[in-house]
Amino acid sequence: MTVTRPPTPTGPTHPGRAPTGHVTTPDGTRLAYRDHHPPPPTHAPRPPLLLLHGLAGHMGEWDDLTERLLTDGHRVVTYDARGHGASTRRPPDMTRASSVTDVTAVIEQLALAPVTIAGQSLGGHTALLTAAAHPHLIQGLILVEAGPAGPSPDLPKEIGNWLDGWPLPFKSLADAEEFLGHEAWARGLEQRPDGWYARVDRDTMVAAVAELAERAYWDEWEQVRCPTLVLRGAKGSMRASEMTEMETRHRTRDQTGYRSRRPTSSTTTETIQDAGHDVHLDQPERLHEAIREFLNRHRSS
């Protein structure tokens, strides 16, 4: 496992201007990352955050939230997931386990532990699995439109049809934004001589969700030990019943080794109004408020 670090910043860094480095994982996949540093603190250092984007997305989707968290004094790391953006386009492995290995590689190589990890959609699922499998690395978990529910046998076909429906190439970024619905999605495209293309491979994206189609992940959810914030968009794809069940079923093991009901105060849930699946793009200010409240609540715990 290797890391190629960008030049050390001489001051605070900001989204879009933080240099890009690369972490190489054990299977040879290169992950492009940005390490954003806040201005010199006037108070005790705030804990770092690692932000994971969703399927077919890119790390630039988090630029707005990153800017807000930097202002709060947090170090923020973002990266393009395997198969996405500036990371390896067609990696040898797209299993859920490989994505968890990527997270631990970034955390360890950038010395982030213990870190609060946040993820949207597929990135949130990766964050959940990482918190369950590596509790010593994760001090807080933030899930945006993501949970353990399943199985969803039609998901791979739905994702394939969705990507097949993109009218590629887009002739302009304006056309892309109109079709995709958000400027941030358009920024994730790459320009070629005949127009703008997705920076993902269609079959790789279908492979990324194959395991999600097979089963639910409630056992992994019940293994999560850290304080958790679960957020869904009122117009999103995550069901309110799933979020409620997450709070109800969250358990821990007591000192005798038997499962006992986890205190509900350690799992916070909220529905963000006027937001769809992309809560971070639809309601960035409200998302930041919810995350800041969560971080402040658990900072001293």
C-alpha atoms as a PDB file:
ATOM      1  CA  MET A   1       0.000   0.000   0.000  1.00  0.00           C
ATOM      2  CA  THR A   2       1.504   3.341  -1.016  1.00  0.00           C
ATOM      3  CA  VAL A   3       0.538   6.984  -0.855  1.00  0.00           C
ATOM      4  CA  THR A   4       1.568   9.779  -3.215  1.00  0.00           C
ATOM      5  CA  ARG A   5       1.164  13.016  -1.338  1.00  0.00           C
ATOM      6  CA  PRO A   6       0.678  16.387  -3.010  1.00  0.00           C
ATOM      7  CA  PRO A   7       2.894  19.312  -1.976  1.00  0.00           C
ATOM      8  CA  THR A   8       2.319  20.353   1.621  1.00  0.00           C
ATOM      9  CA  PRO A   9      -0.046  23.362   1.712  1.00  0.00           C
ATOM     10  CA  THR A  10       1.416  26.542   3.173  1.00  0.00           C
ATOM     11  CA  GLY A  11      -1.961  27.699   4.507  1.00  0.00           C
ATOM     12  CA  PRO A  12      -5.600  26.699   4.697  1.00  0.00           C
ATOM     13  CA  THR A  13      -6.930  24.787   1.711  1.00  0.00           C
ATOM     14  CA  HIS A  14     -10.321  25.077   0.069  1.00  0.00           C
ATOM     15  CA  PRO A  15     -12.488  22.880  -2.152  1.00  0.00           C
ATOM     16  CA  GLY A  16     -11.285  22.897  -5.752  1.00  0.00           C
ATOM     17  CA  ARG A  17      -7.877  24.221  -4.703  1.00  0.00           C
ATOM     18  CA  ALA A  18      -6.654  21.469  -2.410  1.00  0.00           C
ATOM     19  CA  PRO A  19      -4.027  19.482  -4.337  1.00  0.00           C
ATOM     20  CA  THR A  20      -4.836  15.928  -5.342  1.00  0.00           C
ATOM     21  CA  GLY A  21      -2.843  13.002  -3.973  1.00  0.00           C
ATOM     22  CA  HIS A  22      -3.153   9.269  -4.516  1.00  0.00           C
ATOM     23  CA  VAL A  23      -3.391   6.244  -2.240  1.00  0.00           C
ATOM     24  CA  THR A  24      -2.629   2.888  -3.842  1.00  0.00           C
ATOM     25  CA  THR A  25      -4.543   0.015  -2.245  1.00  0.00           C
ATOM     26  CA  PRO A  26      -3.307  -3.593  -1.866  1.00  0.00           C
ATOM     27  CA  ASP A  27      -4.974  -4.672  -5.147  1.00  0.00           C
ATOM     28  CA  GLY A  28      -3.286  -1.861  -7.081  1.00  0.00           C
ATOM     29  CA  THR A  29      -6.276   0.481  -7.280  1.00  0.00           C
ATOM     30  CA  ARG A  30      -5.284   4.159  -7.185  1.00  0.00           C
ATOM     31  CA  LEU A  31      -7.583   6.433  -5.198  1.00  0.00           C
ATOM     32  CA  ALA A  32      -7.464  10.157  -5.910  1.00  0.00           C
ATOM     33  CA  TYR A  33      -7.981  12.204  -2.744  1.00  0.00           C
ATOM     34  CA  ARG A  34      -7.947  15.788  -1.498  1.00  0.00           C
ATOM     35  CA  ASP A  35      -6.860  16.684   2.012  1.00  0.00           C
ATOM     36  CA  HIS A  36      -8.438  19.988   3.064  1.00  0.00           C
ATOM     37  CA  HIS A  37      -6.917  21.810   6.028  1.00  0.00           C
ATOM     38  CA  PRO A  38      -8.657  24.584   7.995  1.00  0.00           C
ATOM     39  CA  PRO A  39      -7.117  27.901   9.022  1.00  0.00           C
ATOM     40  CA  PRO A  40      -4.982  27.843  12.186  1.00  0.00           C
ATOM     41  CA  PRO A  41      -7.370  27.124  15.073  1.00  0.00           C
ATOM     42  CA  THR A  42      -8.291  29.683  17.683  1.00  0.00           C
ATOM     43  CA  HIS A  43      -9.657  26.858  19.826  1.00  0.00           C
ATOM     44  CA  ALA A  44      -8.946  23.203  20.459  1.00  0.00           C
ATOM     45  CA  PRO A  45      -8.534  21.281  17.170  1.00  0.00           C
ATOM     46  CA  ARG A  46     -11.757  19.805  15.826  1.00  0.00           C
ATOM     47  CA  PRO A  47     -11.871  16.135  14.794  1.00  0.00           C
ATOM     48  CA  PRO A  48     -11.249  15.261  11.133  1.00  0.00           C
ATOM     49  CA  LEU A  49     -13.959  14.078   8.754  1.00  0.00           C
ATOM     50  CA  LEU A  50     -13.835  11.691   5.814  1.00  0.00           C
ATOM     51  CA  LEU A  51     -16.607  12.164   3.218  1.00  0.00           C
ATOM     52  CA  LEU A  52     -17.703   9.399   0.815  1.00  0.00           C
ATOM     53  CA  HIS A  53     -19.764  10.145  -2.308  1.00  0.00           C
ATOM     54  CA  GLY A  54     -22.438   7.952  -3.862  1.00  0.00           C
ATOM     55  CA  LEU A  55     -22.661   5.761  -6.952  1.00  0.00           C
ATOM     56  CA  ALA A  56     -21.474   7.384 -10.211  1.00  0.00           C
ATOM     57  CA  GLY A  57     -20.530  10.515  -8.257  1.00  0.00           C
ATOM     58  CA  HIS A  58     -17.243  12.198  -7.395  1.00  0.00           C
ATOM     59  CA  MET A  59     -15.524  13.855  -4.460  1.00  0.00           C
ATOM     60  CA  GLY A  60     -16.337  17.344  -5.750  1.00  0.00           C
ATOM     61  CA  GLU A  61     -19.965  16.816  -4.716  1.00  0.00           C
ATOM     62  CA  TRP A  62     -18.810  17.553  -1.173  1.00  0.00           C
ATOM     63  CA  ASP A  63     -17.216  20.936  -1.955  1.00  0.00           C
ATOM     64  CA  ASP A  64     -20.003  22.975  -0.349  1.00  0.00           C
ATOM     65  CA  LEU A  65     -20.060  20.941   2.860  1.00  0.00           C
ATOM     66  CA  THR A  66     -16.263  20.836   2.936  1.00  0.00           C
ATOM     67  CA  GLU A  67     -16.080  24.634   2.844  1.00  0.00           C
ATOM     68  CA  ARG A  68     -18.521  24.892   5.728  1.00  0.00           C
ATOM     69  CA  LEU A  69     -16.697  22.281   7.807  1.00  0.00           C
ATOM     70  CA  LEU A  70     -13.353  23.988   7.174  1.00  0.00           C
ATOM     71  CA  THR A  71     -14.841  27.195   8.529  1.00  0.00           C
ATOM     72  CA  ASP A  72     -15.847  25.239  11.635  1.00  0.00           C
ATOM     73  CA  GLY A  73     -12.216  24.183  12.054  1.00  0.00           C
ATOM     74  CA  HIS A  74     -12.308  20.596  10.796  1.00  0.00           C
ATOM     75  CA  ARG A  75      -9.791  18.874   8.573  1.00  0.00           C
ATOM     76  CA  VAL A  76     -11.772  17.257   5.730  1.00  0.00           C
ATOM     77  CA  VAL A  77     -10.643  14.491   3.382  1.00  0.00           C
ATOM     78  CA  THR A  78     -12.569  13.526   0.249  1.00  0.00           C
ATOM     79  CA  TYR A  79     -11.720  10.967  -2.415  1.00  0.00           C
ATOM     80  CA  ASP A  80     -13.045   9.460  -5.629  1.00  0.00           C
ATOM     81  CA  ALA A  81     -14.225   5.923  -4.881  1.00  0.00           C
ATOM     82  CA  ARG A  82     -12.752   3.078  -6.884  1.00  0.00           C
ATOM     83  CA  GLY A  83     -14.223   3.062 -10.374  1.00  0.00           C
ATOM     84  CA  HIS A  84     -15.076   6.760 -10.146  1.00  0.00           C
ATOM     85  CA  GLY A  85     -13.616  10.067 -11.267  1.00  0.00           C
ATOM     86  CA  ALA A  86      -9.833  10.339 -11.125  1.00  0.00           C
ATOM     87  CA  SER A  87      -9.427   6.981  -9.372  1.00  0.00           C
ATOM     88  CA  THR A  88      -8.845   3.705 -11.235  1.00  0.00           C
ATOM     89  CA  ARG A  89     -11.714   3.460 -13.733  1.00  0.00           C
ATOM     90  CA  ARG A  90     -11.955  -0.343 -13.972  1.00  0.00           C
ATOM     91  CA  PRO A  91     -10.507  -1.824 -10.781  1.00  0.00           C
ATOM     92  CA  PRO A  92     -10.134  -5.600 -10.403  1.00  0.00           C
ATOM     93  CA  ASP A  93     -12.630  -5.792  -7.541  1.00  0.00           C
ATOM     94  CA  MET A  94     -15.908  -3.951  -6.922  1.00  0.00           C
ATOM     95  CA  THR A  95     -17.117  -5.877  -3.877  1.00  0.00           C
ATOM     96  CA  ARG A  96     -18.316  -4.170  -0.741  1.00  0.00           C
ATOM     97  CA  ALA A  97     -15.238  -5.538   1.044  1.00  0.00           C
ATOM     98  CA  SER A  98     -12.922  -3.820  -1.442  1.00  0.00           C
ATOM     99  CA  SER A  99     -14.579  -0.470  -0.762  1.00  0.00           C
ATOM    100  CA  VAL A 100     -14.126  -0.936   2.988  1.00  0.00           C
ATOM    101  CA  THR A 101     -10.450  -1.740   2.394  1.00  0.00           C
ATOM    102  CA  ASP A 102     -10.176   1.522   0.459  1.00  0.00           C
ATOM    103  CA  VAL A 103     -11.559   3.497   3.391  1.00  0.00           C
ATOM    104  CA  THR A 104      -9.161   1.930   5.861  1.00  0.00           C
ATOM    105  CA  ALA A 105      -6.267   2.553   3.463  1.00  0.00           C
ATOM    106  CA  VAL A 106      -7.093   6.254   3.250  1.00  0.00           C
ATOM    107  CA  ILE A 107      -7.563   6.542   7.019  1.00  0.00           C
ATOM    108  CA  GLU A 108      -4.304   4.787   7.811  1.00  0.00           C
ATOM    109  CA  GLN A 109      -2.168   6.422   5.130  1.00  0.00           C
ATOM    110  CA  LEU A 110      -3.373   9.930   6.017  1.00  0.00           C
ATOM    111  CA  ALA A 111      -3.310   9.284   9.781  1.00  0.00           C
ATOM    112  CA  LEU A 112      -6.960  10.243  10.248  1.00  0.00           C
ATOM    113  CA  ALA A 113      -7.955   7.840  13.021  1.00  0.00           C
ATOM    114  CA  PRO A 114     -10.092   8.213  14.953  1.00  0.00           C
ATOM    115  CA  VAL A 115     -12.229   9.887  12.294  1.00  0.00           C
ATOM    116  CA  THR A 116     -15.871  10.758  11.782  1.00  0.00           C
ATOM    117  CA  ILE A 117     -16.960   9.245   8.487  1.00  0.00           C
ATOM    118  CA  ALA A 118     -19.896  10.518   6.441  1.00  0.00           C
ATOM    119  CA  GLY A 119     -21.343   8.987   3.306  1.00  0.00           C
ATOM    120  CA  GLN A 120     -24.256   9.495   0.947  1.00  0.00           C
ATOM    121  CA  SER A 121     -26.104   6.603  -0.711  1.00  0.00           C
ATOM    122  CA  LEU A 122     -23.566   3.903  -1.693  1.00  0.00           C
ATOM    123  CA  GLY A 123     -20.871   5.885   0.109  1.00  0.00           C
ATOM    124  CA  GLY A 124     -23.008   5.782   3.223  1.00  0.00           C
ATOM    125  CA  HIS A 125     -23.328   2.017   2.936  1.00  0.00           C
ATOM    126  CA  THR A 126     -19.536   1.781   2.696  1.00  0.00           C
ATOM    127  CA  ALA A 127     -19.229   4.007   5.764  1.00  0.00           C
ATOM    128  CA  LEU A 128     -21.653   1.788   7.703  1.00  0.00           C
ATOM    129  CA  LEU A 129     -19.705  -1.368   6.858  1.00  0.00           C
ATOM    130  CA  THR A 130     -16.423   0.298   7.799  1.00  0.00           C
ATOM    131  CA  ALA A 131     -17.745   1.430  11.174  1.00  0.00           C
ATOM    132  CA  ALA A 132     -19.010  -2.095  11.852  1.00  0.00           C
ATOM    133  CA  ALA A 133     -15.779  -3.845  10.862  1.00  0.00           C
ATOM    134  CA  HIS A 134     -13.222  -1.333  12.179  1.00  0.00           C
ATOM    135  CA  PRO A 135     -14.654   0.390  15.266  1.00  0.00           C
ATOM    136  CA  HIS A 136     -11.179   1.423  16.447  1.00  0.00           C
ATOM    137  CA  LEU A 137     -10.845   3.716  13.420  1.00  0.00           C
ATOM    138  CA  ILE A 138     -14.257   5.405  13.515  1.00  0.00           C
ATOM    139  CA  GLN A 139     -15.450   7.788  16.232  1.00  0.00           C
ATOM    140  CA  GLY A 140     -18.637   8.953  14.516  1.00  0.00           C
ATOM    141  CA  LEU A 141     -20.856   7.849  11.631  1.00  0.00           C
ATOM    142  CA  ILE A 142     -23.061  10.050   9.439  1.00  0.00           C
ATOM    143  CA  LEU A 143     -25.361   8.334   6.944  1.00  0.00           C
ATOM    144  CA  VAL A 144     -27.130  10.399   4.283  1.00  0.00           C
ATOM    145  CA  GLU A 145     -29.878   8.500   2.449  1.00  0.00           C
ATOM    146  CA  ALA A 146     -28.139   5.255   3.353  1.00  0.00           C
ATOM    147  CA  GLY A 147     -28.990   2.277   5.511  1.00  0.00           C
ATOM    148  CA  PRO A 148     -28.910  -1.516   5.804  1.00  0.00           C
ATOM    149  CA  ALA A 149     -32.238  -2.374   4.170  1.00  0.00           C
ATOM    150  CA  GLY A 150     -32.479  -4.908   1.374  1.00  0.00           C
ATOM    151  CA  PRO A 151     -32.386  -7.085  -0.604  1.00  0.00           C
ATOM    152  CA  SER A 152     -33.140  -5.309  -3.869  1.00  0.00           C
ATOM    153  CA  PRO A 153     -32.860  -7.862  -6.696  1.00  0.00           C
ATOM    154  CA  ASP A 154     -33.768  -5.393  -9.449  1.00  0.00           C
ATOM    155  CA  LEU A 155     -31.134  -2.826  -8.442  1.00  0.00           C
ATOM    156  CA  PRO A 156     -28.350  -3.812 -10.895  1.00  0.00           C
ATOM    157  CA  LYS A 157     -30.782  -3.720 -13.823  1.00  0.00           C
ATOM    158  CA  GLU A 158     -32.184  -0.384 -12.644  1.00  0.00           C
ATOM    159  CA  ILE A 159     -28.709   1.128 -12.398  1.00  0.00           C
ATOM    160  CA  GLY A 160     -27.773  -0.186 -15.833  1.00  0.00           C
ATOM    161  CA  ASN A 161     -30.934   1.255 -17.368  1.00  0.00           C
ATOM    162  CA  TRP A 162     -30.358   4.575 -15.600  1.00  0.00           C
ATOM    163  CA  LEU A 163     -26.835   4.914 -16.986  1.00  0.00           C
ATOM    164  CA  ASP A 164     -27.926   3.726 -20.436  1.00  0.00           C
ATOM    165  CA  GLY A 165     -30.425   6.588 -20.433  1.00  0.00           C
ATOM    166  CA  TRP A 166     -27.755   9.287 -20.201  1.00  0.00           C
ATOM    167  CA  PRO A 167     -27.689  11.079 -23.601  1.00  0.00           C
ATOM    168  CA  LEU A 168     -23.904  10.890 -23.969  1.00  0.00           C
ATOM    169  CA  PRO A 169     -22.020  12.818 -24.983  1.00  0.00           C
ATOM    170  CA  PHE A 170     -23.500  15.971 -23.537  1.00  0.00           C
ATOM    171  CA  LYS A 171     -22.813  18.863 -25.878  1.00  0.00           C
ATOM    172  CA  SER A 172     -22.273  21.293 -23.016  1.00  0.00           C
ATOM    173  CA  LEU A 173     -22.105  21.402 -19.234  1.00  0.00           C
ATOM    174  CA  ALA A 174     -25.377  23.327 -19.295  1.00  0.00           C
ATOM    175  CA  ASP A 175     -27.038  20.422 -21.113  1.00  0.00           C
ATOM    176  CA  ALA A 176     -25.542  18.009 -18.597  1.00  0.00           C
ATOM    177  CA  GLU A 177     -26.746  20.025 -15.629  1.00  0.00           C
ATOM    178  CA  GLU A 178     -30.254  20.224 -17.070  1.00  0.00           C
ATOM    179  CA  PHE A 179     -30.395  16.448 -17.508  1.00  0.00           C
ATOM    180  CA  LEU A 180     -28.610  15.406 -14.307  1.00  0.00           C
ATOM    181  CA  GLY A 181     -30.317  17.981 -12.114  1.00  0.00           C
ATOM    182  CA  HIS A 182     -27.322  19.451 -10.298  1.00  0.00           C
ATOM    183  CA  GLU A 183     -24.306  21.528 -11.265  1.00  0.00           C
ATOM    184  CA  ALA A 184     -22.144  19.319  -9.041  1.00  0.00           C
ATOM    185  CA  TRP A 185     -23.031  16.257 -11.119  1.00  0.00           C
ATOM    186  CA  ALA A 186     -22.060  18.101 -14.297  1.00  0.00           C
ATOM    187  CA  ARG A 187     -18.699  19.041 -12.765  1.00  0.00           C
ATOM    188  CA  GLY A 188     -17.948  15.343 -12.445  1.00  0.00           C
ATOM    189  CA  LEU A 189     -17.919  14.792 -16.216  1.00  0.00           C
ATOM    190  CA  GLU A 190     -14.844  14.661 -18.439  1.00  0.00           C
ATOM    191  CA  GLN A 191     -14.461  16.553 -21.703  1.00  0.00           C
ATOM    192  CA  ARG A 192     -13.525  14.793 -24.927  1.00  0.00           C
ATOM    193  CA  PRO A 193     -13.354  16.216 -28.451  1.00  0.00           C
ATOM    194  CA  ASP A 194     -17.021  15.425 -29.163  1.00  0.00           C
ATOM    195  CA  GLY A 195     -18.520  16.443 -25.820  1.00  0.00           C
ATOM    196  CA  TRP A 196     -18.818  15.570 -22.133  1.00  0.00           C
ATOM    197  CA  TYR A 197     -18.818  12.005 -20.799  1.00  0.00           C
ATOM    198  CA  ALA A 198     -19.358  10.300 -17.455  1.00  0.00           C
ATOM    199  CA  ARG A 199     -16.151   9.487 -15.597  1.00  0.00           C
ATOM    200  CA  VAL A 200     -17.411   6.004 -14.788  1.00  0.00           C
ATOM    201  CA  ASP A 201     -17.741   2.704 -16.632  1.00  0.00           C
ATOM    202  CA  ARG A 202     -21.309   1.464 -16.934  1.00  0.00           C
ATOM    203  CA  ASP A 203     -20.594  -2.202 -16.166  1.00  0.00           C
ATOM    204  CA  THR A 204     -18.348  -1.265 -13.244  1.00  0.00           C
ATOM    205  CA  MET A 205     -21.191   0.712 -11.693  1.00  0.00           C
ATOM    206  CA  VAL A 206     -23.559  -2.231 -12.080  1.00  0.00           C
ATOM    207  CA  ALA A 207     -20.981  -4.464 -10.393  1.00  0.00           C
ATOM    208  CA  ALA A 208     -20.707  -1.971  -7.532  1.00  0.00           C
ATOM    209  CA  VAL A 209     -24.311  -2.602  -6.472  1.00  0.00           C
ATOM    210  CA  ALA A 210     -24.444  -6.355  -7.117  1.00  0.00           C
ATOM    211  CA  GLU A 211     -24.049  -7.330  -3.456  1.00  0.00           C
ATOM    212  CA  LEU A 212     -26.604  -4.762  -2.332  1.00  0.00           C
ATOM    213  CA  ALA A 213     -29.149  -6.603  -4.440  1.00  0.00           C
ATOM    214  CA  GLU A 214     -28.586  -9.871  -2.603  1.00  0.00           C
ATOM    215  CA  ARG A 215     -29.267  -9.210   1.068  1.00  0.00           C
ATOM    216  CA  ALA A 216     -29.889  -6.763   3.882  1.00  0.00           C
ATOM    217  CA  TYR A 217     -27.147  -5.572   6.246  1.00  0.00           C
ATOM    218  CA  TRP A 218     -28.920  -5.402   9.585  1.00  0.00           C
ATOM    219  CA  ASP A 219     -26.326  -7.612  11.274  1.00  0.00           C
ATOM    220  CA  GLU A 220     -23.604  -5.136  10.312  1.00  0.00           C
ATOM    221  CA  TRP A 221     -25.745  -2.245  11.502  1.00  0.00           C
ATOM    222  CA  GLU A 222     -26.086  -3.820  14.938  1.00  0.00           C
ATOM    223  CA  GLN A 223     -22.286  -4.058  15.152  1.00  0.00           C
ATOM    224  CA  VAL A 224     -21.824  -0.286  14.890  1.00  0.00           C
ATOM    225  CA  ARG A 225     -20.678   1.120  18.240  1.00  0.00           C
ATOM    226  CA  CYS A 226     -20.052   4.805  17.582  1.00  0.00           C
ATOM    227  CA  PRO A 227     -22.530   7.710  17.762  1.00  0.00           C
ATOM    228  CA  THR A 228     -24.499   7.821  14.532  1.00  0.00           C
ATOM    229  CA  LEU A 229     -26.516  10.428  12.629  1.00  0.00           C
ATOM    230  CA  VAL A 230     -28.982   9.154  10.022  1.00  0.00           C
ATOM    231  CA  LEU A 231     -30.447  11.668   7.563  1.00  0.00           C
ATOM    232  CA  ARG A 232     -32.981  11.155   4.811  1.00  0.00           C
ATOM    233  CA  GLY A 233     -34.505  13.509   2.278  1.00  0.00           C
ATOM    234  CA  ALA A 234     -38.266  13.951   2.565  1.00  0.00           C
ATOM    235  CA  LYS A 235     -38.405  13.386  -1.209  1.00  0.00           C
ATOM    236  CA  GLY A 236     -35.577  10.859  -1.300  1.00  0.00           C
ATOM    237  CA  SER A 237     -35.461   7.112  -1.827  1.00  0.00           C
ATOM    238  CA  MET A 238     -34.809   6.080   1.782  1.00  0.00           C
ATOM    239  CA  ARG A 239     -38.000   5.029   3.537  1.00  0.00           C
ATOM    240  CA  ALA A 240     -38.935   6.631   6.842  1.00  0.00           C
ATOM    241  CA  SER A 241     -39.665   3.143   8.175  1.00  0.00           C
ATOM    242  CA  GLU A 242     -36.075   2.062   7.497  1.00  0.00           C
ATOM    243  CA  MET A 243     -34.700   5.008   9.426  1.00  0.00           C
ATOM    244  CA  THR A 244     -37.043   4.279  12.329  1.00  0.00           C
ATOM    245  CA  GLU A 245     -36.047   0.626  12.375  1.00  0.00           C
ATOM    246  CA  MET A 246     -32.375   1.594  12.372  1.00  0.00           C
ATOM    247  CA  GLU A 247     -32.924   3.538  15.571  1.00  0.00           C
ATOM    248  CA  THR A 248     -34.996   0.754  17.106  1.00  0.00           C
ATOM    249  CA  ARG A 249     -32.655  -2.104  16.221  1.00  0.00           C
ATOM    250  CA  HIS A 250     -29.356  -0.454  17.028  1.00  0.00           C
ATOM    251  CA  ARG A 251     -27.845  -2.644  19.698  1.00  0.00           C
ATOM    252  CA  THR A 252     -24.551  -3.112  21.451  1.00  0.00           C
ATOM    253  CA  ARG A 253     -23.003  -5.781  23.591  1.00  0.00           C
ATOM    254  CA  ASP A 254     -22.845  -5.299  27.326  1.00  0.00           C
ATOM    255  CA  GLN A 255     -19.939  -6.412  29.479  1.00  0.00           C
ATOM    256  CA  THR A 256     -21.299  -9.952  29.691  1.00  0.00           C
ATOM    257  CA  GLY A 257     -21.196 -10.338  25.925  1.00  0.00           C
ATOM    258  CA  TYR A 258     -24.951 -10.429  25.443  1.00  0.00           C
ATOM    259  CA  ARG A 259     -26.730  -7.978  23.206  1.00  0.00           C
ATOM    260  CA  SER A 260     -28.535  -5.177  24.974  1.00  0.00           C
ATOM    261  CA  ARG A 261     -30.575  -2.315  23.600  1.00  0.00           C
ATOM    262  CA  ARG A 262     -28.324   0.522  22.498  1.00  0.00           C
ATOM    263  CA  PRO A 263     -29.194   3.893  24.083  1.00  0.00           C
ATOM    264  CA  THR A 264     -31.315   5.824  21.594  1.00  0.00           C
ATOM    265  CA  SER A 265     -29.375   9.002  22.398  1.00  0.00           C
ATOM    266  CA  SER A 266     -26.381   7.589  20.469  1.00  0.00           C
ATOM    267  CA  THR A 267     -28.400   7.278  17.255  1.00  0.00           C
ATOM    268  CA  THR A 268     -29.936  10.495  15.948  1.00  0.00           C
ATOM    269  CA  THR A 269     -32.310  10.563  12.977  1.00  0.00           C
ATOM    270  CA  GLU A 270     -33.705  13.450  10.969  1.00  0.00           C
ATOM    271  CA  THR A 271     -35.718  14.000   7.810  1.00  0.00           C
ATOM    272  CA  ILE A 272     -34.552  16.965   5.717  1.00  0.00           C
ATOM    273  CA  GLN A 273     -37.470  18.767   4.098  1.00  0.00           C
ATOM    274  CA  ASP A 274     -37.359  19.845   0.439  1.00  0.00           C
ATOM    275  CA  ALA A 275     -34.561  17.374  -0.272  1.00  0.00           C
ATOM    276  CA  GLY A 276     -34.398  14.324  -2.499  1.00  0.00           C
ATOM    277  CA  HIS A 277     -31.784  11.569  -2.581  1.00  0.00           C
ATOM    278  CA  ASP A 278     -28.973  14.112  -2.996  1.00  0.00           C
ATOM    279  CA  VAL A 279     -29.532  15.845   0.327  1.00  0.00           C
ATOM    280  CA  HIS A 280     -26.008  17.301   0.219  1.00  0.00           C
ATOM    281  CA  LEU A 281     -26.856  19.103  -3.022  1.00  0.00           C
ATOM    282  CA  ASP A 282     -30.520  19.932  -2.401  1.00  0.00           C
ATOM    283  CA  GLN A 283     -30.172  21.334   1.125  1.00  0.00           C
ATOM    284  CA  PRO A 284     -26.460  21.903   1.866  1.00  0.00           C
ATOM    285  CA  GLU A 285     -27.051  24.465   4.607  1.00  0.00           C
ATOM    286  CA  ARG A 286     -29.502  22.295   6.531  1.00  0.00           C
ATOM    287  CA  LEU A 287     -27.234  19.275   6.119  1.00  0.00           C
ATOM    288  CA  HIS A 288     -24.347  21.229   7.581  1.00  0.00           C
ATOM    289  CA  GLU A 289     -26.472  22.390  10.496  1.00  0.00           C
ATOM    290  CA  ALA A 290     -27.468  18.812  11.313  1.00  0.00           C
ATOM    291  CA  ILE A 291     -23.877  17.586  11.087  1.00  0.00           C
ATOM    292  CA  ARG A 292     -22.505  20.467  13.146  1.00  0.00           C
ATOM    293  CA  GLU A 293     -25.088  19.859  15.877  1.00  0.00           C
ATOM    294  CA  PHE A 294     -24.214  16.159  15.879  1.00  0.00           C
ATOM    295  CA  LEU A 295     -20.468  16.805  16.081  1.00  0.00           C
ATOM    296  CA  ASN A 296     -20.845  19.354  18.871  1.00  0.00           C
ATOM    297  CA  ARG A 297     -23.091  17.021  20.842  1.00  0.00           C
ATOM    298  CA  HIS A 298     -20.589  14.180  20.777  1.00  0.00           C
ATOM    299  CA  ARG A 299     -17.327  16.148  20.814  1.00  0.00           C
ATOM    300  CA  SER A 300     -16.830  15.740  24.539  1.00  0.00           C
ATOM    301  CA  SER A 301     -18.243  12.221  24.797  1.00  0.00           C
END
